[in-house]
Amino acid sequence: ADVADAYARVLMSDWRENGEVFNISSGFAVKTESLLQGLLALSDMTIAVEHDPARNRTSDVPYISGDSGKFRKAFHWSPRFSLSETLQRALDDCRAKFAVASKGKL
């Protein structure tokens, strides 16, 4: 919802600079492991996570971060939802899509 709001602000503005690059983010570094643990905590099921070192890649990053200061200043924007709320919304959306896709297949 926060990213959609950010996109809407750009579309509704009179800003028309070609090639300008902006980051849209919370501004907080988040470990990838924290995203997984957050989703697991929201799950109704017990899910075992197994780490396979053979699948590690040198390009894997331990956390994700972005600096949205330029975008915040230009469009007077800030995120409204916490990481937990965002994960819950994403999980709810996936569950709804799965429910629709699996109707009649049982």
Protein backbone atom coordinates (compact mmCIF):
# COMPACT_ATOMS: atom_id res chain seq x y z
CA ALA A 1 0.00 0.00 0.00
CA ASP A 2 2.85 2.38 0.74
CA VAL A 3 4.51 1.80 -2.63
CA ALA A 4 1.17 2.18 -4.44
CA ASP A 5 0.63 5.46 -2.58
CA ALA A 6 4.11 6.62 -3.62
CA TYR A 7 3.42 5.76 -7.27
CA ALA A 8 0.08 7.59 -7.09
CA ARG A 9 1.81 10.71 -5.76
CA VAL A 10 4.11 10.74 -8.79
CA LEU A 11 1.25 10.20 -11.23
CA MET A 12 -0.88 12.93 -9.66
CA SER A 13 1.96 15.44 -9.48
CA ASP A 14 3.15 17.85 -12.13
CA TRP A 15 6.63 16.32 -11.96
CA ARG A 16 7.88 15.36 -15.42
CA GLU A 17 11.67 15.01 -15.19
CA ASN A 18 12.86 12.25 -17.49
CA GLY A 19 15.48 9.89 -16.14
CA GLU A 20 15.20 10.94 -12.50
CA VAL A 21 15.75 7.97 -10.18
CA PHE A 22 14.05 7.62 -6.79
CA ASN A 23 14.08 4.92 -4.13
CA ILE A 24 10.89 4.11 -2.30
CA SER A 25 11.60 2.47 1.03
CA SER A 26 11.07 2.62 4.76
CA GLY A 27 14.64 3.78 5.21
CA PHE A 28 15.36 0.97 7.68
CA ALA A 29 17.70 -1.92 6.95
CA VAL A 30 15.85 -5.23 7.16
CA LYS A 31 17.57 -8.60 7.33
CA THR A 32 16.21 -11.08 4.83
CA GLU A 33 15.97 -13.55 7.72
CA SER A 34 13.69 -11.07 9.53
CA LEU A 35 11.28 -11.07 6.58
CA LEU A 36 11.14 -14.86 6.68
CA GLN A 37 10.67 -14.94 10.45
CA GLY A 38 7.94 -12.31 10.22
CA LEU A 39 6.01 -14.34 7.65
CA LEU A 40 6.47 -17.54 9.66
CA ALA A 41 5.11 -15.79 12.76
CA LEU A 42 1.98 -14.77 10.82
CA SER A 43 1.41 -18.25 9.43
CA ASP A 44 -1.33 -20.54 10.75
CA MET A 45 0.90 -23.54 10.12
CA THR A 46 4.14 -24.87 11.49
CA ILE A 47 6.69 -24.53 8.72
CA ALA A 48 10.16 -26.03 8.92
CA VAL A 49 12.88 -23.96 7.30
CA GLU A 50 15.94 -25.82 6.14
CA HIS A 51 19.07 -23.98 5.07
CA ASP A 52 20.97 -25.60 2.21
CA PRO A 53 24.50 -24.15 2.12
CA ALA A 54 24.97 -25.55 -1.39
CA ARG A 55 22.41 -23.02 -2.61
CA ASN A 56 24.22 -20.00 -1.16
CA ARG A 57 25.34 -17.47 -3.75
CA THR A 58 28.07 -14.90 -3.42
CA SER A 59 25.52 -12.33 -4.61
CA ASP A 60 23.15 -13.03 -1.68
CA VAL A 61 22.83 -10.05 0.64
CA PRO A 62 22.19 -10.39 4.38
CA TYR A 63 19.85 -7.40 4.53
CA ILE A 64 17.91 -5.02 2.33
CA SER A 65 18.02 -1.25 2.73
CA GLY A 66 17.07 1.83 0.76
CA ASP A 67 17.29 5.58 1.14
CA SER A 68 14.05 7.25 0.11
CA GLY A 69 15.02 10.70 1.41
CA LYS A 70 15.05 12.26 -2.05
CA PHE A 71 11.59 10.88 -2.86
CA ARG A 72 10.19 11.87 0.55
CA LYS A 73 11.35 15.45 0.07
CA ALA A 74 10.18 15.76 -3.54
CA PHE A 75 6.72 14.26 -2.98
CA HIS A 76 6.09 14.88 0.74
CA TRP A 77 5.69 11.13 1.25
CA SER A 78 6.41 8.74 4.09
CA PRO A 79 5.40 5.12 4.66
CA ARG A 80 2.28 4.62 6.76
CA PHE A 81 2.46 0.88 7.40
CA SER A 82 4.87 -1.05 9.60
CA LEU A 83 6.83 -4.00 8.28
CA SER A 84 4.54 -6.34 10.23
CA GLU A 85 1.43 -4.78 8.66
CA THR A 86 2.99 -4.98 5.21
CA LEU A 87 3.87 -8.67 5.66
CA GLN A 88 0.33 -9.38 6.90
CA ARG A 89 -1.19 -7.66 3.87
CA ALA A 90 1.12 -9.56 1.50
CA LEU A 91 0.27 -12.87 3.17
CA ASP A 92 -3.48 -12.11 3.08
CA ASP A 93 -3.23 -11.25 -0.61
CA CYS A 94 -1.39 -14.50 -1.39
CA ARG A 95 -3.95 -16.50 0.60
CA ALA A 96 -6.83 -14.87 -1.28
CA LYS A 97 -5.22 -15.54 -4.66
CA PHE A 98 -4.50 -19.14 -3.69
CA ALA A 99 -8.11 -19.63 -2.52
CA VAL A 100 -9.43 -18.36 -5.87
CA ALA A 101 -6.94 -20.43 -7.87
CA SER A 102 -7.66 -23.62 -5.94
CA LYS A 103 -11.49 -23.40 -6.06
CA GLY A 104 -12.89 -26.48 -7.71
CA LYS A 105 -9.56 -28.29 -7.75
CA LEU A 106 -10.22 -30.33 -4.60
